[in-house]
Amino acid sequence: MSTGSTTIGKVPPATMDMLRGILAGALVAALSGALWFGADVLLYSLIGERETVSIKVILIPFLLAGVLGGWTAQSVIWGARRGGLIMAISSALLLLVALFISDYFLDRHYMIQAMAESGMSIDSVPLLLPLDRMIDLVQIGLESSPIYAVYYGIALLVAFITPLTPGGRRVRR
């Protein structure tokens, strides 16, 4: 039996659209995190010091942060075929998780690099730590390079605002 746009035993189309939006956003957020990791490692290898403050070091991540936030938001809008508050929150949360994981692996990468340079054994460093230790490592990394909190703030702001804008409300296919 069918009533309106829903059928008994099936998921309503609006729910499917939201799930599709969240899945598309999760995929692009994961790619964004990987891109952020690669860009940071590449910039660090080209410039030499992660804390070096120059226009090149600051400008590229600012631009990349905005692009990654917009990219994640647009994928959520595209998948859900609409924007709105739920999609804005979803977009920002997905990107936050991706940036957290990316930052953890960046801090882990630089920690292992420092350990190797000082002659310490890196064989016993696990790939994943317990969540509380991961949070501590990311917090230490952000405290040592506070500009990264600004980069992440920009990315999250763009990811949140984009689905709320009039252009992000409806997507026609």
C-alpha atoms as a PDB file:
ATOM      1  CA  MET A   1       0.000   0.000   0.000  1.00  0.00           C
ATOM      2  CA  SER A   2       1.297   3.351  -0.966  1.00  0.00           C
ATOM      3  CA  THR A   3       0.318   6.669   0.591  1.00  0.00           C
ATOM      4  CA  GLY A   4       1.853   9.822  -0.830  1.00  0.00           C
ATOM      5  CA  SER A   5       5.577   9.515  -1.329  1.00  0.00           C
ATOM      6  CA  THR A   6       6.185   6.785   1.259  1.00  0.00           C
ATOM      7  CA  THR A   7       5.430   3.087   1.130  1.00  0.00           C
ATOM      8  CA  ILE A   8       4.868   0.863   4.135  1.00  0.00           C
ATOM      9  CA  GLY A   9       8.099  -1.000   4.848  1.00  0.00           C
ATOM     10  CA  LYS A  10      10.317   1.436   2.946  1.00  0.00           C
ATOM     11  CA  VAL A  11      12.478   4.282   4.154  1.00  0.00           C
ATOM     12  CA  PRO A  12      10.972   7.715   3.421  1.00  0.00           C
ATOM     13  CA  PRO A  13      12.711   9.549   0.539  1.00  0.00           C
ATOM     14  CA  ALA A  14      13.732  12.470   2.780  1.00  0.00           C
ATOM     15  CA  THR A  15      15.566  10.078   5.123  1.00  0.00           C
ATOM     16  CA  MET A  16      17.281   8.348   2.207  1.00  0.00           C
ATOM     17  CA  ASP A  17      18.382  11.743   0.871  1.00  0.00           C
ATOM     18  CA  MET A  18      19.875  12.652   4.259  1.00  0.00           C
ATOM     19  CA  LEU A  19      21.681   9.314   4.497  1.00  0.00           C
ATOM     20  CA  ARG A  20      23.001   9.745   0.959  1.00  0.00           C
ATOM     21  CA  GLY A  21      24.200  13.241   1.907  1.00  0.00           C
ATOM     22  CA  ILE A  22      25.960  11.983   5.015  1.00  0.00           C
ATOM     23  CA  LEU A  23      27.626   9.131   3.099  1.00  0.00           C
ATOM     24  CA  ALA A  24      28.802  11.483   0.336  1.00  0.00           C
ATOM     25  CA  GLY A  25      30.060  13.914   2.975  1.00  0.00           C
ATOM     26  CA  ALA A  26      31.869  11.159   4.884  1.00  0.00           C
ATOM     27  CA  LEU A  27      33.673  10.049   1.742  1.00  0.00           C
ATOM     28  CA  VAL A  28      34.758  13.560   0.803  1.00  0.00           C
ATOM     29  CA  ALA A  29      35.659  14.422   4.412  1.00  0.00           C
ATOM     30  CA  ALA A  30      37.950  11.373   4.511  1.00  0.00           C
ATOM     31  CA  LEU A  31      39.555  12.468   1.245  1.00  0.00           C
ATOM     32  CA  SER A  32      39.876  15.993   2.660  1.00  0.00           C
ATOM     33  CA  GLY A  33      41.683  14.673   5.724  1.00  0.00           C
ATOM     34  CA  ALA A  34      44.084  12.685   3.550  1.00  0.00           C
ATOM     35  CA  LEU A  35      44.692  15.737   1.360  1.00  0.00           C
ATOM     36  CA  TRP A  36      45.341  17.880   4.453  1.00  0.00           C
ATOM     37  CA  PHE A  37      47.872  15.310   5.716  1.00  0.00           C
ATOM     38  CA  GLY A  38      49.651  15.167   2.356  1.00  0.00           C
ATOM     39  CA  ALA A  39      49.724  18.942   1.938  1.00  0.00           C
ATOM     40  CA  ASP A  40      51.144  19.459   5.430  1.00  0.00           C
ATOM     41  CA  VAL A  41      53.873  16.866   4.979  1.00  0.00           C
ATOM     42  CA  LEU A  42      54.726  18.273   1.539  1.00  0.00           C
ATOM     43  CA  LEU A  43      54.899  21.877   2.800  1.00  0.00           C
ATOM     44  CA  TYR A  44      56.982  20.798   5.776  1.00  0.00           C
ATOM     45  CA  SER A  45      59.425  18.926   3.542  1.00  0.00           C
ATOM     46  CA  LEU A  46      59.714  21.863   1.134  1.00  0.00           C
ATOM     47  CA  ILE A  47      60.095  24.589   3.752  1.00  0.00           C
ATOM     48  CA  GLY A  48      61.895  22.721   6.487  1.00  0.00           C
ATOM     49  CA  GLU A  49      60.306  23.897   9.723  1.00  0.00           C
ATOM     50  CA  ARG A  50      56.653  23.458  10.577  1.00  0.00           C
ATOM     51  CA  GLU A  51      56.629  26.590  12.753  1.00  0.00           C
ATOM     52  CA  THR A  52      58.259  28.812  10.115  1.00  0.00           C
ATOM     53  CA  VAL A  53      55.983  31.811   9.648  1.00  0.00           C
ATOM     54  CA  SER A  54      55.939  33.174   6.125  1.00  0.00           C
ATOM     55  CA  ILE A  55      53.228  34.123   3.674  1.00  0.00           C
ATOM     56  CA  LYS A  56      53.702  30.823   1.823  1.00  0.00           C
ATOM     57  CA  VAL A  57      53.226  28.727   4.942  1.00  0.00           C
ATOM     58  CA  ILE A  58      50.182  30.654   6.126  1.00  0.00           C
ATOM     59  CA  LEU A  59      48.382  31.377   2.850  1.00  0.00           C
ATOM     60  CA  ILE A  60      48.367  27.891   1.322  1.00  0.00           C
ATOM     61  CA  PRO A  61      46.746  26.179   4.337  1.00  0.00           C
ATOM     62  CA  PHE A  62      44.203  29.024   4.667  1.00  0.00           C
ATOM     63  CA  LEU A  63      43.137  28.481   1.076  1.00  0.00           C
ATOM     64  CA  LEU A  64      43.203  24.704   1.422  1.00  0.00           C
ATOM     65  CA  ALA A  65      41.114  24.857   4.615  1.00  0.00           C
ATOM     66  CA  GLY A  66      38.422  26.867   2.852  1.00  0.00           C
ATOM     67  CA  VAL A  67      38.439  24.545  -0.139  1.00  0.00           C
ATOM     68  CA  LEU A  68      38.198  21.399   2.000  1.00  0.00           C
ATOM     69  CA  GLY A  69      35.349  22.847   4.055  1.00  0.00           C
ATOM     70  CA  GLY A  70      33.476  23.856   0.917  1.00  0.00           C
ATOM     71  CA  TRP A  71      34.211  20.561  -0.793  1.00  0.00           C
ATOM     72  CA  THR A  72      32.804  18.572   2.130  1.00  0.00           C
ATOM     73  CA  ALA A  73      29.735  20.815   2.396  1.00  0.00           C
ATOM     74  CA  GLN A  74      29.021  20.617  -1.333  1.00  0.00           C
ATOM     75  CA  SER A  75      29.217  16.824  -1.254  1.00  0.00           C
ATOM     76  CA  VAL A  76      26.699  16.707   1.605  1.00  0.00           C
ATOM     77  CA  ILE A  77      24.385  19.082  -0.283  1.00  0.00           C
ATOM     78  CA  TRP A  78      24.789  17.091  -3.488  1.00  0.00           C
ATOM     79  CA  GLY A  79      24.106  13.759  -1.788  1.00  0.00           C
ATOM     80  CA  ALA A  80      21.101  15.022   0.164  1.00  0.00           C
ATOM     81  CA  ARG A  81      19.843  17.167  -2.726  1.00  0.00           C
ATOM     82  CA  ARG A  82      19.346  19.998  -0.252  1.00  0.00           C
ATOM     83  CA  GLY A  83      21.033  22.046   2.417  1.00  0.00           C
ATOM     84  CA  GLY A  84      19.690  23.201   5.753  1.00  0.00           C
ATOM     85  CA  LEU A  85      20.656  23.017   9.402  1.00  0.00           C
ATOM     86  CA  ILE A  86      20.894  19.213   9.648  1.00  0.00           C
ATOM     87  CA  MET A  87      23.133  19.078   6.587  1.00  0.00           C
ATOM     88  CA  ALA A  88      25.243  21.957   7.935  1.00  0.00           C
ATOM     89  CA  ILE A  89      25.778  20.180  11.255  1.00  0.00           C
ATOM     90  CA  SER A  90      26.493  16.895   9.462  1.00  0.00           C
ATOM     91  CA  SER A  91      29.004  18.545   7.156  1.00  0.00           C
ATOM     92  CA  ALA A  92      30.858  20.236  10.022  1.00  0.00           C
ATOM     93  CA  LEU A  93      30.900  17.099  12.203  1.00  0.00           C
ATOM     94  CA  LEU A  94      32.160  14.901   9.373  1.00  0.00           C
ATOM     95  CA  LEU A  95      34.946  17.352   8.597  1.00  0.00           C
ATOM     96  CA  LEU A  96      35.801  17.718  12.304  1.00  0.00           C
ATOM     97  CA  VAL A  97      36.282  13.956  12.619  1.00  0.00           C
ATOM     98  CA  ALA A  98      38.360  13.852   9.419  1.00  0.00           C
ATOM     99  CA  LEU A  99      40.560  16.759  10.554  1.00  0.00           C
ATOM    100  CA  PHE A 100      41.007  15.202  13.999  1.00  0.00           C
ATOM    101  CA  ILE A 101      42.152  11.910  12.486  1.00  0.00           C
ATOM    102  CA  SER A 102      44.389  13.727  10.012  1.00  0.00           C
ATOM    103  CA  ASP A 103      45.907  15.851  12.778  1.00  0.00           C
ATOM    104  CA  TYR A 104      46.507  12.747  14.896  1.00  0.00           C
ATOM    105  CA  PHE A 105      48.406  11.085  12.067  1.00  0.00           C
ATOM    106  CA  LEU A 106      50.357  14.299  11.370  1.00  0.00           C
ATOM    107  CA  ASP A 107      51.397  14.614  15.018  1.00  0.00           C
ATOM    108  CA  ARG A 108      52.226  10.894  15.117  1.00  0.00           C
ATOM    109  CA  HIS A 109      54.271  11.253  11.915  1.00  0.00           C
ATOM    110  CA  TYR A 110      56.301  14.163  13.293  1.00  0.00           C
ATOM    111  CA  MET A 111      56.721  12.425  16.674  1.00  0.00           C
ATOM    112  CA  ILE A 112      58.107   9.303  14.975  1.00  0.00           C
ATOM    113  CA  GLN A 113      60.367  11.466  12.813  1.00  0.00           C
ATOM    114  CA  ALA A 114      61.758  13.212  15.933  1.00  0.00           C
ATOM    115  CA  MET A 115      62.208   9.877  17.700  1.00  0.00           C
ATOM    116  CA  ALA A 116      64.119   8.446  14.723  1.00  0.00           C
ATOM    117  CA  GLU A 117      66.368  11.520  14.488  1.00  0.00           C
ATOM    118  CA  SER A 118      67.237  11.222  18.179  1.00  0.00           C
ATOM    119  CA  GLY A 119      68.105   7.548  17.793  1.00  0.00           C
ATOM    120  CA  MET A 120      65.109   6.157  19.659  1.00  0.00           C
ATOM    121  CA  SER A 121      63.437   2.955  18.514  1.00  0.00           C
ATOM    122  CA  ILE A 122      60.230   3.523  16.574  1.00  0.00           C
ATOM    123  CA  ASP A 123      59.298  -0.152  16.262  1.00  0.00           C
ATOM    124  CA  SER A 124      57.039  -0.088  19.320  1.00  0.00           C
ATOM    125  CA  VAL A 125      54.930   2.931  18.257  1.00  0.00           C
ATOM    126  CA  PRO A 126      51.420   1.627  17.531  1.00  0.00           C
ATOM    127  CA  LEU A 127      49.385   2.874  14.589  1.00  0.00           C
ATOM    128  CA  LEU A 128      46.437   3.780  16.800  1.00  0.00           C
ATOM    129  CA  LEU A 129      46.488   4.828  20.426  1.00  0.00           C
ATOM    130  CA  PRO A 130      43.553   4.735  22.838  1.00  0.00           C
ATOM    131  CA  LEU A 131      41.185   7.655  22.177  1.00  0.00           C
ATOM    132  CA  ASP A 132      42.212   9.628  25.272  1.00  0.00           C
ATOM    133  CA  ARG A 133      45.889   9.469  24.248  1.00  0.00           C
ATOM    134  CA  MET A 134      44.974  10.417  20.672  1.00  0.00           C
ATOM    135  CA  ILE A 135      43.172  13.490  22.030  1.00  0.00           C
ATOM    136  CA  ASP A 136      46.209  14.353  24.181  1.00  0.00           C
ATOM    137  CA  LEU A 137      48.540  14.058  21.179  1.00  0.00           C
ATOM    138  CA  VAL A 138      46.330  16.283  19.010  1.00  0.00           C
ATOM    139  CA  GLN A 139      46.011  18.805  21.853  1.00  0.00           C
ATOM    140  CA  ILE A 140      49.800  18.956  22.269  1.00  0.00           C
ATOM    141  CA  GLY A 141      50.184  19.413  18.511  1.00  0.00           C
ATOM    142  CA  LEU A 142      47.653  22.260  18.425  1.00  0.00           C
ATOM    143  CA  GLU A 143      49.301  23.926  21.417  1.00  0.00           C
ATOM    144  CA  SER A 144      52.694  23.785  19.709  1.00  0.00           C
ATOM    145  CA  SER A 145      51.277  25.120  16.400  1.00  0.00           C
ATOM    146  CA  PRO A 146      48.174  27.179  17.294  1.00  0.00           C
ATOM    147  CA  ILE A 147      47.762  28.422  13.707  1.00  0.00           C
ATOM    148  CA  TYR A 148      46.369  24.968  12.901  1.00  0.00           C
ATOM    149  CA  ALA A 149      43.376  25.688  15.151  1.00  0.00           C
ATOM    150  CA  VAL A 150      42.703  28.738  12.952  1.00  0.00           C
ATOM    151  CA  TYR A 151      42.970  26.617   9.780  1.00  0.00           C
ATOM    152  CA  TYR A 152      40.569  24.054  11.218  1.00  0.00           C
ATOM    153  CA  GLY A 153      38.205  26.790  12.378  1.00  0.00           C
ATOM    154  CA  ILE A 154      38.034  28.204   8.858  1.00  0.00           C
ATOM    155  CA  ALA A 155      37.405  24.773   7.322  1.00  0.00           C
ATOM    156  CA  LEU A 156      34.667  23.991   9.848  1.00  0.00           C
ATOM    157  CA  LEU A 157      33.051  27.404   9.424  1.00  0.00           C
ATOM    158  CA  VAL A 158      32.903  26.993   5.643  1.00  0.00           C
ATOM    159  CA  ALA A 159      31.581  23.433   6.032  1.00  0.00           C
ATOM    160  CA  PHE A 160      28.847  24.672   8.371  1.00  0.00           C
ATOM    161  CA  ILE A 161      27.818  27.864   6.564  1.00  0.00           C
ATOM    162  CA  THR A 162      27.725  26.534   2.997  1.00  0.00           C
ATOM    163  CA  PRO A 163      24.623  24.305   3.442  1.00  0.00           C
ATOM    164  CA  LEU A 164      22.837  27.228   5.124  1.00  0.00           C
ATOM    165  CA  THR A 165      23.309  29.664   2.232  1.00  0.00           C
ATOM    166  CA  PRO A 166      20.447  30.149  -0.241  1.00  0.00           C
ATOM    167  CA  GLY A 167      22.516  28.516  -3.003  1.00  0.00           C
ATOM    168  CA  GLY A 168      23.084  25.469  -0.813  1.00  0.00           C
ATOM    169  CA  ARG A 169      19.426  24.852  -0.043  1.00  0.00           C
ATOM    170  CA  ARG A 170      18.293  23.126  -3.237  1.00  0.00           C
ATOM    171  CA  VAL A 171      20.205  21.035  -5.685  1.00  0.00           C
ATOM    172  CA  ARG A 172      18.527  20.092  -8.927  1.00  0.00           C
ATOM    173  CA  ARG A 173      19.632  17.109 -10.920  1.00  0.00           C
END
